[in-house]
């Protein structure tokens, strides 16, 4: 039985690419409707994440042309993960299935057919996974590989080479809504939901237009969020490191006493300097990691809304299945 599908597309300063994104999604959605794969009341939901350019203006014009295009605009920029969550939580009241993707057209729209095929075969979650990273620079390929290996080492469950291109059934999105944390890392949260999942591989394209919204600084911060949101192993490693250093210091103390009592003590400026700098650096690093966790605890205890929807554009053929929520 065909279902109502909402394509959730977070947008931040995407005026250079949004027209082409809309054109391709329009063709794909109408193809799926024509072939009786999805229902006619399916929608493309653009989520404006506080863009400073004409992104929201363009979304409004698209909505005026056809009801297929809908949109919500957040009151301010909240970041990609919060914008995506806002779109998913808004869409779940009106649809049976959500498919999330970025606006830059790097994700292959044609594999949506395979997503839906797996969904109709019983999968509640279908992950879009890159088949290779040949088009990435050596630096980006190496750092990405290191990130996934580090996440695995720290015990976080993630899908290798998966970003946020995925299909989720209504009950999977409702399961996601039960997670209340403010520090979002959806790539780690979605696998925690459970339910049957499958993987569809595809070749990732170059960005169609515009510039990347994830420079190295943001990518590093995103990786730190993922690690500290999903695992407490760094704290455990700090404890183990503390025991190791304490054990080494006991050996050094015994050695120093032996040297002193045998009369062989010689001033060691180099070793003393190295020791001070090394221990001091380790202490600062450990305090920094602990500080990251304390900072996240502080944010969580505030219980501030993860996003606020300022405007919405949607034409419905049906009433929402449950009370619409504008704040999370």
Protein backbone atom coordinates (compact mmCIF):
# COMPACT_ATOMS: atom_id res chain seq x y z
CA UNK A 1 0.00 0.00 0.00
CA UNK A 2 1.46 3.37 -1.05
CA UNK A 3 2.29 5.88 1.69
CA UNK A 4 2.54 9.63 2.26
CA UNK A 5 6.19 10.66 2.10
CA UNK A 6 7.74 13.93 3.27
CA UNK A 7 11.18 14.84 1.93
CA UNK A 8 12.86 16.88 4.69
CA UNK A 9 15.56 19.25 3.41
CA UNK A 10 17.43 21.53 5.89
CA UNK A 11 18.65 24.76 4.26
CA UNK A 12 21.10 27.40 5.40
CA UNK A 13 22.08 30.09 2.89
CA UNK A 14 21.27 27.84 -0.08
CA UNK A 15 19.94 30.41 -2.55
CA UNK A 16 22.46 29.25 -5.18
CA UNK A 17 21.22 25.67 -5.25
CA UNK A 18 17.65 25.55 -3.96
CA UNK A 19 15.98 26.07 -7.34
CA UNK A 20 17.80 23.09 -8.83
CA UNK A 21 17.16 21.00 -5.72
CA UNK A 22 13.44 21.82 -5.98
CA UNK A 23 13.39 20.99 -9.70
CA UNK A 24 14.94 17.56 -9.23
CA UNK A 25 12.78 16.70 -6.23
CA UNK A 26 9.68 17.86 -8.12
CA UNK A 27 10.49 15.47 -10.97
CA UNK A 28 11.30 12.59 -8.62
CA UNK A 29 8.19 13.09 -6.45
CA UNK A 30 5.88 13.29 -9.44
CA UNK A 31 7.49 10.20 -10.96
CA UNK A 32 6.86 8.28 -7.74
CA UNK A 33 3.27 9.56 -7.54
CA UNK A 34 2.61 8.65 -11.17
CA UNK A 35 3.98 5.13 -10.59
CA UNK A 36 1.74 4.68 -7.50
CA UNK A 37 4.75 4.37 -5.18
CA UNK A 38 3.76 7.28 -2.93
CA UNK A 39 0.53 9.22 -2.33
CA UNK A 40 -0.39 12.52 -3.98
CA UNK A 41 -0.37 14.34 -0.65
CA UNK A 42 3.38 13.75 -0.28
CA UNK A 43 5.42 16.92 0.21
CA UNK A 44 8.92 18.38 -0.06
CA UNK A 45 9.52 20.16 3.26
CA UNK A 46 12.29 22.76 3.20
CA UNK A 47 13.56 23.81 6.64
CA UNK A 48 15.05 27.31 6.66
CA UNK A 49 17.68 27.37 9.40
CA UNK A 50 17.81 31.14 9.91
CA UNK A 51 19.35 31.83 6.50
CA UNK A 52 20.72 35.32 5.88
CA UNK A 53 20.25 35.24 2.10
CA UNK A 54 17.09 34.77 -0.02
CA UNK A 55 16.57 31.11 0.84
CA UNK A 56 13.25 31.62 2.64
CA UNK A 57 12.02 34.01 -0.06
CA UNK A 58 12.70 31.34 -2.69
CA UNK A 59 10.96 28.66 -0.60
CA UNK A 60 7.92 30.93 -0.35
CA UNK A 61 7.82 31.37 -4.13
CA UNK A 62 8.11 27.61 -4.65
CA UNK A 63 5.19 27.04 -2.29
CA UNK A 64 3.09 29.59 -4.19
CA UNK A 65 3.68 27.71 -7.45
CA UNK A 66 2.72 24.24 -6.23
CA UNK A 67 1.48 22.70 -2.96
CA UNK A 68 4.13 19.98 -3.35
CA UNK A 69 6.62 22.40 -1.81
CA UNK A 70 6.20 23.24 1.85
CA UNK A 71 8.44 25.02 4.30
CA UNK A 72 9.10 25.98 7.87
CA UNK A 73 11.42 28.74 9.00
CA UNK A 74 13.21 28.67 12.33
CA UNK A 75 13.35 31.85 14.38
CA UNK A 76 17.17 31.82 14.24
CA UNK A 77 20.03 29.66 13.09
CA UNK A 78 20.10 26.53 15.24
CA UNK A 79 22.52 24.34 13.31
CA UNK A 80 22.01 21.52 10.83
CA UNK A 81 21.06 18.83 13.36
CA UNK A 82 18.41 20.94 15.08
CA UNK A 83 17.00 22.10 11.74
CA UNK A 84 16.75 18.51 10.55
CA UNK A 85 15.09 17.46 13.80
CA UNK A 86 12.60 20.34 13.48
CA UNK A 87 11.66 19.15 10.00
CA UNK A 88 11.26 15.53 11.11
CA UNK A 89 9.15 16.42 14.14
CA UNK A 90 6.93 18.70 12.04
CA UNK A 91 6.55 16.16 9.25
CA UNK A 92 5.71 13.17 11.46
CA UNK A 93 2.22 14.56 12.16
CA UNK A 94 1.30 14.49 8.48
CA UNK A 95 3.11 11.59 6.84
CA UNK A 96 3.89 7.88 7.03
CA UNK A 97 7.52 8.13 5.92
CA UNK A 98 10.25 10.80 5.99
CA UNK A 99 13.32 10.98 3.77
CA UNK A 100 15.96 13.46 4.94
CA UNK A 101 18.64 14.86 2.67
CA UNK A 102 20.86 17.93 2.31
CA UNK A 103 20.04 20.71 -0.13
CA UNK A 104 23.43 20.67 -1.89
CA UNK A 105 22.51 17.75 -4.23
CA UNK A 106 25.50 15.68 -3.20
CA UNK A 107 23.12 12.87 -2.25
CA UNK A 108 21.90 10.84 -5.23
CA UNK A 109 18.14 11.44 -5.51
CA UNK A 110 17.70 8.38 -7.73
CA UNK A 111 18.36 5.96 -4.86
CA UNK A 112 15.11 7.15 -3.22
CA UNK A 113 13.46 4.37 -5.25
CA UNK A 114 15.66 1.84 -3.46
CA UNK A 115 14.91 3.48 -0.09
CA UNK A 116 11.17 3.02 -0.65
CA UNK A 117 11.62 -0.51 -1.95
CA UNK A 118 13.39 -1.47 1.29
CA UNK A 119 10.74 0.34 3.34
CA UNK A 120 7.90 -1.54 1.66
CA UNK A 121 9.89 -4.73 2.30
CA UNK A 122 9.77 -4.08 6.03
CA UNK A 123 12.63 -1.71 6.96
CA UNK A 124 11.76 1.12 9.34
CA UNK A 125 15.07 2.87 8.71
CA UNK A 126 17.06 2.90 5.47
CA UNK A 127 20.53 4.45 5.58
CA UNK A 128 22.11 6.04 2.53
CA UNK A 129 25.79 5.07 2.66
CA UNK A 130 28.57 6.33 0.41
CA UNK A 131 30.08 3.57 -1.70
CA UNK A 132 33.49 5.29 -1.76
CA UNK A 133 35.35 8.50 -0.92
CA UNK A 134 37.40 8.77 -4.11
CA UNK A 135 36.17 12.30 -4.78
CA UNK A 136 37.30 13.56 -1.36
CA UNK A 137 40.67 15.13 -0.73
CA UNK A 138 43.26 13.00 1.06
CA UNK A 139 42.86 15.12 4.19
CA UNK A 140 39.08 14.82 4.30
CA UNK A 141 39.17 11.10 3.52
CA UNK A 142 41.73 10.45 6.25
CA UNK A 143 39.97 12.54 8.91
CA UNK A 144 36.60 10.94 8.10
CA UNK A 145 38.06 7.45 8.38
CA UNK A 146 39.74 8.39 11.67
CA UNK A 147 36.49 9.80 13.02
CA UNK A 148 34.46 6.64 12.33
CA UNK A 149 37.20 4.43 13.78
CA UNK A 150 37.42 6.63 16.87
CA UNK A 151 33.63 6.52 17.33
CA UNK A 152 33.73 2.73 17.08
CA UNK A 153 36.61 2.55 19.58
CA UNK A 154 34.69 4.71 22.03
CA UNK A 155 31.67 2.43 21.82
CA UNK A 156 29.31 4.70 19.85
CA UNK A 157 27.06 2.91 17.36
CA UNK A 158 27.20 4.67 14.00
CA UNK A 159 26.87 3.62 10.36
CA UNK A 160 30.18 3.95 8.54
CA UNK A 161 30.14 6.56 5.73
CA UNK A 162 26.55 7.56 6.49
CA UNK A 163 25.64 11.23 6.89
CA UNK A 164 21.98 12.26 7.22
CA UNK A 165 20.56 10.83 3.99
CA UNK A 166 18.06 8.33 5.34
CA UNK A 167 14.49 7.10 5.28
CA UNK A 168 12.58 6.76 8.55
CA UNK A 169 9.11 5.33 9.08
CA UNK A 170 6.57 7.20 11.18
CA UNK A 171 7.14 4.98 14.21
CA UNK A 172 10.91 5.40 13.88
CA UNK A 173 10.53 9.21 13.91
CA UNK A 174 8.16 8.95 16.86
CA UNK A 175 10.83 6.86 18.60
CA UNK A 176 13.38 9.60 17.86
CA UNK A 177 11.05 12.16 19.45
CA UNK A 178 11.47 10.31 22.76
CA UNK A 179 15.12 11.36 22.92
CA UNK A 180 15.18 14.66 24.78
CA UNK A 181 18.83 15.69 24.70
CA UNK A 182 19.80 19.16 23.54
CA UNK A 183 23.22 18.10 22.22
CA UNK A 184 22.12 16.36 19.05
CA UNK A 185 24.09 13.88 16.98
CA UNK A 186 21.39 12.20 14.90
CA UNK A 187 23.80 9.79 13.20
CA UNK A 188 24.33 8.20 16.61
CA UNK A 189 20.79 8.57 17.96
CA UNK A 190 18.93 6.94 15.07
CA UNK A 191 20.67 3.54 15.47
CA UNK A 192 19.64 3.61 19.16
CA UNK A 193 15.97 3.56 18.18
CA UNK A 194 16.17 -0.04 17.08
CA UNK A 195 13.69 -1.49 14.56
CA UNK A 196 14.68 -3.21 11.36
CA UNK A 197 17.06 -1.27 9.13
CA UNK A 198 18.80 -1.68 5.78
CA UNK A 199 21.57 0.06 3.86
CA UNK A 200 21.55 1.47 0.33
CA UNK A 201 24.90 2.49 -1.17
CA UNK A 202 25.35 5.31 -3.65
CA UNK A 203 28.05 7.44 -5.24
CA UNK A 204 28.15 10.88 -3.62
CA UNK A 205 28.29 13.80 -6.05
CA UNK A 206 30.15 17.08 -5.93
CA UNK A 207 28.25 20.02 -4.47
CA UNK A 208 26.03 21.50 -7.22
CA UNK A 209 26.62 25.16 -6.29
CA UNK A 210 27.51 27.42 -3.39
CA UNK A 211 30.03 26.71 -0.66
CA UNK A 212 30.20 24.04 2.01
CA UNK A 213 28.53 24.94 5.30
CA UNK A 214 30.91 22.60 7.15
CA UNK A 215 34.49 23.96 7.13
CA UNK A 216 37.10 22.13 9.19
CA UNK A 217 36.32 24.12 12.34
CA UNK A 218 32.64 23.12 12.24
CA UNK A 219 33.48 19.54 11.30
CA UNK A 220 35.79 19.28 14.31
CA UNK A 221 33.11 20.73 16.63
CA UNK A 222 30.56 18.33 15.13
CA UNK A 223 32.87 15.38 15.75
CA UNK A 224 33.42 16.48 19.35
CA UNK A 225 29.64 16.74 19.83
CA UNK A 226 29.23 13.24 18.48
CA UNK A 227 31.88 11.75 20.75
CA UNK A 228 30.81 13.50 23.95
CA UNK A 229 27.08 13.01 23.27
CA UNK A 230 27.27 9.28 22.69
CA UNK A 231 30.10 7.99 24.86
CA UNK A 232 31.59 8.48 28.33
CA UNK A 233 34.66 6.46 27.41
CA UNK A 234 36.92 9.57 27.23
CA UNK A 235 36.22 10.09 30.97
CA UNK A 236 37.09 6.43 31.60
CA UNK A 237 40.31 6.82 29.62
CA UNK A 238 41.25 9.86 31.70
CA UNK A 239 40.81 7.80 34.87
CA UNK A 240 43.02 5.04 33.46
CA UNK A 241 45.60 7.61 32.35
CA UNK A 242 45.60 9.03 35.87
CA UNK A 243 46.35 5.60 37.35
CA UNK A 244 49.17 5.03 34.83
CA UNK A 245 50.78 8.40 35.59
CA UNK A 246 50.43 7.75 39.32
CA UNK A 247 52.11 4.36 38.90
CA UNK A 248 54.94 5.88 36.85
CA UNK A 249 55.39 8.62 39.45
CA UNK A 250 55.80 5.99 42.20
CA UNK A 251 58.52 4.28 40.17
CA UNK A 252 60.20 7.67 39.59
CA UNK A 253 59.97 8.42 43.33
CA UNK A 254 61.60 5.09 44.30
CA UNK A 255 64.31 5.60 41.64
CA UNK A 256 65.02 9.14 42.90
CA UNK A 257 65.34 7.97 46.51
CA UNK A 258 67.75 5.19 45.49
CA UNK A 259 69.90 7.65 43.53
CA UNK A 260 69.89 10.11 46.44
CA UNK A 261 70.89 7.58 49.11
CA UNK A 262 73.65 6.09 46.93
CA UNK A 263 75.11 9.55 46.46
CA UNK A 264 74.76 9.61 42.68
CA UNK A 265 72.23 12.43 42.46
CA UNK A 266 72.96 14.89 39.62
CA UNK A 267 70.89 17.95 38.74
CA UNK A 268 68.67 17.10 35.78
CA UNK A 269 67.29 20.31 34.35
CA UNK A 270 66.15 18.71 31.05
CA UNK A 271 64.28 15.81 32.58
CA UNK A 272 62.64 18.12 35.13
CA UNK A 273 61.48 20.56 32.44
CA UNK A 274 60.12 17.81 30.21
CA UNK A 275 58.27 16.23 33.12
CA UNK A 276 56.66 19.51 34.15
CA UNK A 277 55.52 20.35 30.62
CA UNK A 278 54.26 16.84 29.93
CA UNK A 279 52.30 16.46 33.18
CA UNK A 280 50.94 20.00 32.83
CA UNK A 281 49.81 19.35 29.25
CA UNK A 282 48.12 16.08 30.20
CA UNK A 283 46.33 17.78 33.09
CA UNK A 284 45.04 20.60 30.86
CA UNK A 285 43.88 18.10 28.22
CA UNK A 286 42.02 16.06 30.83
CA UNK A 287 40.42 19.17 32.30
CA UNK A 288 39.35 20.19 28.79
CA UNK A 289 37.63 16.85 28.15
CA UNK A 290 35.90 16.96 31.52
CA UNK A 291 34.90 20.55 30.79
CA UNK A 292 33.23 19.45 27.55
CA UNK A 293 31.03 17.04 29.48
CA UNK A 294 30.24 19.59 32.19
CA UNK A 295 29.30 22.13 29.52
CA UNK A 296 26.90 19.65 27.93
CA UNK A 297 25.38 18.81 31.31
CA UNK A 298 24.84 22.55 31.84
CA UNK A 299 23.00 22.85 28.51
CA UNK A 300 20.87 19.79 29.18
CA UNK A 301 19.76 21.04 32.61
CA UNK A 302 18.51 24.31 31.10
CA UNK A 303 15.80 22.46 29.13
CA UNK A 304 15.78 25.20 26.51
CA UNK A 305 13.87 24.57 23.25
CA UNK A 306 16.02 22.99 20.58
CA UNK A 307 14.30 25.14 17.96
CA UNK A 308 11.38 27.53 17.54
CA UNK A 309 9.35 27.60 14.32
CA UNK A 310 8.68 31.21 13.30
CA UNK A 311 6.81 30.62 10.01
CA UNK A 312 5.34 27.70 8.12
CA UNK A 313 4.08 27.16 4.60
CA UNK A 314 2.05 24.02 4.00
CA UNK A 315 -0.99 22.98 2.00
CA UNK A 316 -2.65 19.90 3.47
CA UNK A 317 -5.05 17.36 2.06
CA UNK A 318 -5.54 15.94 5.52
CA UNK A 319 -5.53 16.98 9.16
CA UNK A 320 -2.49 16.20 11.32
CA UNK A 321 -2.69 12.87 13.10
CA UNK A 322 -1.83 14.50 16.42
CA UNK A 323 -1.51 17.98 17.89
CA UNK A 324 0.99 20.03 15.96
CA UNK A 325 4.04 21.07 17.98
CA UNK A 326 5.95 24.25 17.29
CA UNK A 327 8.47 23.98 20.11
CA UNK A 328 10.71 21.11 21.08
